[in-house]
Structure formats: structure tokens, C-alpha cells
Protein backbone atom coordinates (compact mmCIF):
# COMPACT_ATOMS: atom_id res chain seq x y z
CA MET A 1 -75.63 79.40 139.16
CA GLY A 2 -78.07 79.80 136.35
CA ASP A 3 -79.66 76.79 137.01
CA HIS A 4 -83.15 78.20 138.15
CA ILE A 5 -83.55 79.01 134.34
CA LYS A 6 -85.44 77.16 131.85
CA ILE A 7 -85.41 77.08 128.27
CA ARG A 8 -88.36 75.47 126.01
CA PRO A 9 -90.57 75.47 123.25
CA ALA A 10 -93.52 77.17 123.73
CA ALA A 11 -96.79 75.26 123.28
CA GLY A 12 -99.07 76.51 120.43
CA LYS A 13 -99.40 79.42 118.11
CA TRP A 14 -98.21 83.48 119.24
CA VAL A 15 -99.24 86.34 118.69
CA VAL A 16 -97.44 89.71 119.52
CA ARG A 17 -99.51 93.48 119.05
CA ALA A 18 -98.91 96.85 120.18
CA GLY A 19 -100.03 100.25 119.42
CA GLY A 20 -102.89 98.59 117.11
CA ALA A 21 -99.92 96.60 115.43
CA VAL A 22 -99.80 92.74 114.85
CA LEU A 23 -96.15 92.74 115.35
CA GLY A 24 -95.73 89.05 114.57
CA GLU A 25 -97.05 85.71 114.90
CA THR A 26 -94.93 82.70 115.42
CA ALA A 27 -95.33 78.67 115.96
CA ASN A 28 -91.98 78.86 117.40
CA ALA A 29 -91.67 80.48 119.82
CA LEU A 30 -89.48 80.15 123.51
CA GLU A 31 -90.80 80.50 126.80
CA LEU A 32 -88.52 81.19 129.60
CA THR A 33 -88.74 80.44 133.06
CA GLU A 34 -86.60 82.00 135.63
CA GLY A 35 -87.37 81.51 139.18
CA ASP A 36 -90.35 82.18 140.64
CA TYR A 37 -90.91 85.16 137.52
CA PRO A 38 -93.51 84.98 135.43
CA PRO A 39 -92.83 83.10 132.15
CA VAL A 40 -91.45 85.11 129.01
CA ILE A 41 -92.38 84.09 125.86
CA TYR A 42 -89.48 84.67 123.02
CA PHE A 43 -90.08 85.62 119.18
CA PRO A 44 -87.57 84.81 116.83
CA ARG A 45 -86.92 87.41 114.64
CA GLU A 46 -88.04 86.24 111.63
CA ASP A 47 -91.38 85.45 112.43
CA LEU A 48 -91.87 89.23 113.37
CA ALA A 49 -92.10 92.72 111.30
CA MET A 50 -88.81 94.10 111.93
CA ALA A 51 -89.78 97.47 110.85
CA PHE A 52 -92.10 98.18 113.87
CA LEU A 53 -88.81 97.60 115.71
CA GLU A 54 -85.99 100.19 116.03
CA GLU A 55 -83.13 99.30 118.42
CA THR A 56 -82.12 102.15 121.60
CA ASP A 57 -79.26 102.83 123.47
CA THR A 58 -80.51 101.33 126.39
CA VAL A 59 -78.83 98.23 128.27
CA ALA A 60 -80.02 95.75 131.06
CA ALA A 61 -77.47 93.69 132.22
CA CYS A 62 -78.47 89.80 134.17
CA PRO A 63 -76.14 88.34 135.91
CA PHE A 64 -77.29 84.78 134.29
CA LYS A 65 -78.35 85.61 130.76
CA GLY A 66 -76.12 88.02 130.10
CA THR A 67 -76.98 91.60 128.45
CA ALA A 68 -79.73 92.93 126.93
CA LYS A 69 -80.82 95.51 124.00
CA HIS A 70 -83.90 97.40 123.91
CA PHE A 71 -85.82 98.11 120.87
CA ASP A 72 -88.71 100.65 120.36
CA ILE A 73 -92.12 99.83 118.99
CA HIS A 74 -92.84 102.45 116.21
CA THR A 75 -96.40 102.04 114.93
CA LYS A 76 -98.58 104.47 112.74
CA SER A 77 -100.33 105.66 115.88
CA VAL A 78 -97.32 105.59 118.74
CA VAL A 79 -94.35 105.16 119.55
CA ILE A 80 -93.41 102.84 122.72
CA GLU A 81 -89.96 103.10 123.87
CA ASN A 82 -88.25 100.47 125.55
CA ALA A 83 -91.14 97.83 124.80
CA ALA A 84 -88.89 94.96 124.37
CA TRP A 85 -85.46 93.09 124.41
CA SER A 86 -82.89 90.55 122.88
CA TYR A 87 -80.10 88.78 124.47
CA GLU A 88 -77.17 89.41 121.35
CA GLU A 89 -74.64 87.81 123.32
CA PRO A 90 -76.21 85.34 126.26
CA ASN A 91 -74.42 83.40 129.10
CA ASP A 92 -74.38 80.03 128.02
CA VAL A 93 -77.69 79.44 130.51
CA ALA A 94 -79.62 81.80 127.69
CA ALA A 95 -77.98 80.15 124.53
CA GLU A 96 -81.11 79.29 123.14
CA VAL A 97 -82.81 82.65 123.58
CA LYS A 98 -79.77 84.20 121.02
CA GLY A 99 -81.36 86.76 118.73
CA TYR A 100 -85.20 85.91 119.61
CA ILE A 101 -87.38 89.31 121.14
CA ALA A 102 -89.36 89.40 124.03
CA PHE A 103 -91.81 92.07 124.42
CA TYR A 104 -92.50 94.17 128.26
CA PRO A 105 -96.38 92.74 129.11
CA GLN A 106 -97.51 96.79 130.12
CA LYS A 107 -96.25 97.26 126.57
CA ALA A 108 -97.01 94.91 124.49
CA ALA A 109 -99.59 92.24 124.38
CA VAL A 110 -98.43 88.52 123.82
CA GLU A 111 -100.63 86.17 123.42
CA GLN A 112 -101.08 82.13 122.79
CA LEU A 113 -104.02 81.90 119.77
């Protein structure tokens, strides 16, 4: 069922930026691929400036990965609504991304350094 999901360490160092701020940088990111969708980079919380992120009431359910909660990004200049998500209690197939946070590409820039 969830065998179309693959999770592996993301090669190299990654950074995420939004609203003129660097939200995090890590060499410990995970790359999740799901079917034909583009790969998604997940950042460990300990490598993010969590003060920029505020949990929202938005949730989204994936039959394979589980239920994701969302976060707004708050910077000095802007609030970017529901810009990130995290699986707090993922299904078994996505267990590795528990506690990691991913960002919507149209709302934050995720780049390999």
C-alpha cells in the first residue's frame, strides 16, 4: 500500500528561507519521495529556528503517511500562512519523518547548499 513512499537521508547540506529570514540549515535532512510527486525535504526540528513557526489549526490527512499538522511562518516583515507541515504520529511507512518539518515550495525556499 505505502510501498510507493521512499525515505532516505538527503545528500549534502540544506537551507530553508522565507520572508527574508533563514529558518534553518541542516546536514541531517530526509528526502521523501512519493510516487510521481517531486521529492520533499524534511528538516529536523533541532536544526530549525522554531521561534519563526507557529502551529495552526489546519490538518491534512494522507492515507499513507498519516495526519499532518501545519505551521505559519512569522518573520519581521510577513506572516506566511500554513507554509509548513509535520507528521507528529505518522503511519509506519513514514515513521522516519516523525518530528521533522517540511515546507511548501511556493511559500518557502528549500535549497541544497
